[in-house]
């Protein structure tokens, strides 16, 4: 009797194909794409590759033969939350004039935030897509 013992054509491997870090401090919007190869499909990858908060993760890939390999990933986030402080406010002196003003001092986030007027003198601050303040005055 002849017996042939076989094995998968290649060892199970996995690579980090793409990574999206958390854009806004404290959120869980990070994601990764782990791509398995070799071994025997189908593959199971855990934990989930989406909805990740900042931190270190070990993704385990398991093939149909219960062979495993791991990929370590660190998801990052901005160092501080986006905040805005009303530094000064000058009200309109006379009805109907445009003499009022405000100074808003942003901090945190990823980039220097530049205010952008909206609506009737509204102010909308954003950094890296994070919404922090919407202030309207008349």
Protein backbone atom coordinates (compact mmCIF):
# COMPACT_ATOMS: atom_id res chain seq x y z
CA UNK A 1 0.00 0.00 0.00
CA UNK A 2 1.34 3.42 -1.00
CA UNK A 3 0.47 6.40 1.14
CA UNK A 4 1.13 10.03 0.19
CA UNK A 5 1.14 12.69 2.85
CA UNK A 6 0.39 16.16 1.45
CA UNK A 7 0.71 19.64 2.77
CA UNK A 8 -0.52 23.06 1.66
CA UNK A 9 1.42 24.51 -1.26
CA UNK A 10 2.69 27.40 0.88
CA UNK A 11 2.87 28.38 4.53
CA UNK A 12 0.14 30.62 5.89
CA UNK A 13 1.19 34.28 5.84
CA UNK A 14 -0.61 37.57 6.33
CA UNK A 15 0.30 41.14 5.53
CA UNK A 16 -1.05 44.54 6.51
CA UNK A 17 -2.37 45.82 3.17
CA UNK A 18 -3.76 49.15 4.38
CA UNK A 19 -4.30 51.07 7.61
CA UNK A 20 -6.55 54.01 8.48
CA UNK A 21 -5.77 55.72 11.78
CA UNK A 22 -8.39 57.42 13.97
CA UNK A 23 -9.03 60.93 12.61
CA UNK A 24 -10.71 62.49 15.66
CA UNK A 25 -9.38 62.03 19.19
CA UNK A 26 -11.27 59.43 21.21
CA UNK A 27 -13.28 57.95 18.35
CA UNK A 28 -13.19 54.37 17.06
CA UNK A 29 -12.87 54.99 13.33
CA UNK A 30 -9.60 53.19 12.64
CA UNK A 31 -9.44 50.22 10.31
CA UNK A 32 -7.01 47.83 8.70
CA UNK A 33 -7.01 45.39 5.82
CA UNK A 34 -5.16 42.18 6.58
CA UNK A 35 -4.50 40.03 3.51
CA UNK A 36 -3.86 36.30 4.09
CA UNK A 37 -2.03 34.05 1.64
CA UNK A 38 -0.87 30.44 1.55
CA UNK A 39 -2.26 27.86 3.93
CA UNK A 40 -5.74 26.59 3.09
CA UNK A 41 -8.67 28.95 2.58
CA UNK A 42 -11.12 30.04 3.87
CA UNK A 43 -9.47 32.27 6.45
CA UNK A 44 -10.77 33.77 9.68
CA UNK A 45 -9.27 37.07 10.87
CA UNK A 46 -9.82 38.31 14.40
CA UNK A 47 -10.46 40.78 15.92
CA UNK A 48 -12.64 42.75 13.50
CA UNK A 49 -10.69 44.98 11.12
CA UNK A 50 -13.01 48.02 11.45
CA UNK A 51 -14.29 50.25 14.25
CA UNK A 52 -10.88 50.38 15.93
CA UNK A 53 -9.92 52.85 18.64
CA UNK A 54 -6.32 54.00 19.05
CA UNK A 55 -4.10 51.27 20.45
CA UNK A 56 -2.05 48.18 19.68
CA UNK A 57 -3.73 45.16 18.13
CA UNK A 58 -2.64 41.63 17.23
CA UNK A 59 -4.70 40.28 14.33
CA UNK A 60 -4.74 36.50 14.17
CA UNK A 61 -5.35 34.78 10.86
CA UNK A 62 -6.55 31.18 11.05
CA UNK A 63 -6.82 28.98 7.96
CA UNK A 64 -9.11 25.99 7.30
CA UNK A 65 -6.52 23.65 8.86
CA UNK A 66 -6.37 25.74 12.07
CA UNK A 67 -2.89 27.02 11.27
CA UNK A 68 -2.35 30.55 12.54
CA UNK A 69 -0.20 33.59 11.93
CA UNK A 70 -0.32 37.04 13.49
CA UNK A 71 0.03 40.65 12.33
CA UNK A 72 0.74 43.41 14.87
CA UNK A 73 -0.68 46.87 14.16
CA UNK A 74 -0.73 50.14 16.08
CA UNK A 75 -3.64 52.50 15.37
CA UNK A 76 -2.89 56.13 16.21
CA UNK A 77 -5.02 59.23 16.83
CA UNK A 78 -4.39 62.97 17.23
CA UNK A 79 -2.60 63.77 20.49
CA UNK A 80 -5.45 65.96 21.75
CA UNK A 81 -9.11 66.58 21.03
CA UNK A 82 -10.07 69.57 18.92
CA UNK A 83 -11.29 72.40 21.15
CA UNK A 84 -12.12 76.06 20.66
CA UNK A 85 -12.17 78.91 23.16
CA UNK A 86 -13.96 82.22 22.75
CA UNK A 87 -11.12 84.66 23.37
CA UNK A 88 -12.98 87.91 22.82
CA UNK A 89 -16.37 89.14 21.64
CA UNK A 90 -17.44 92.59 20.47
CA UNK A 91 -21.17 93.08 19.99
CA UNK A 92 -22.64 95.19 17.19
CA UNK A 93 -22.72 98.84 18.27
CA UNK A 94 -25.72 100.03 16.26
CA UNK A 95 -28.62 98.08 14.83
CA UNK A 96 -28.01 96.88 11.28
CA UNK A 97 -24.28 97.59 11.26
CA UNK A 98 -21.59 94.97 10.84
CA UNK A 99 -19.30 96.08 13.66
CA UNK A 100 -19.35 92.94 15.77
CA UNK A 101 -16.53 90.44 15.92
CA UNK A 102 -15.23 87.44 17.78
CA UNK A 103 -11.84 85.85 18.25
CA UNK A 104 -11.89 82.08 18.54
CA UNK A 105 -8.72 80.28 19.63
CA UNK A 106 -8.62 76.65 18.46
CA UNK A 107 -6.30 73.99 19.87
CA UNK A 108 -5.74 70.27 19.57
CA UNK A 109 -6.70 68.32 16.52
CA UNK A 110 -4.23 67.69 13.73
CA UNK A 111 -3.73 70.90 11.80
CA UNK A 112 -4.13 74.59 12.47
CA UNK A 113 -7.86 75.15 12.22
CA UNK A 114 -9.11 78.02 10.10
CA UNK A 115 -12.60 79.30 10.85
CA UNK A 116 -15.02 79.45 7.97
CA UNK A 117 -18.16 81.60 8.09
CA UNK A 118 -21.47 79.87 7.45
CA UNK A 119 -25.04 81.13 7.33
CA UNK A 120 -25.64 84.43 9.10
CA UNK A 121 -22.24 84.98 10.62
CA UNK A 122 -21.96 81.44 11.90
CA UNK A 123 -18.60 79.88 12.60
CA UNK A 124 -17.66 76.30 11.90
CA UNK A 125 -14.32 74.91 13.02
CA UNK A 126 -12.89 71.68 11.80
CA UNK A 127 -9.62 69.84 11.76
CA UNK A 128 -9.07 66.52 10.06
CA UNK A 129 -12.84 66.32 9.52
CA UNK A 130 -13.63 66.60 13.24
CA UNK A 131 -16.49 68.93 14.17
CA UNK A 132 -16.14 70.75 17.44
CA UNK A 133 -17.90 74.10 17.46
CA UNK A 134 -20.76 75.70 15.64
CA UNK A 135 -21.42 79.17 16.92
CA UNK A 136 -24.06 81.50 15.49
CA UNK A 137 -24.77 85.05 16.43
CA UNK A 138 -27.11 87.71 15.07
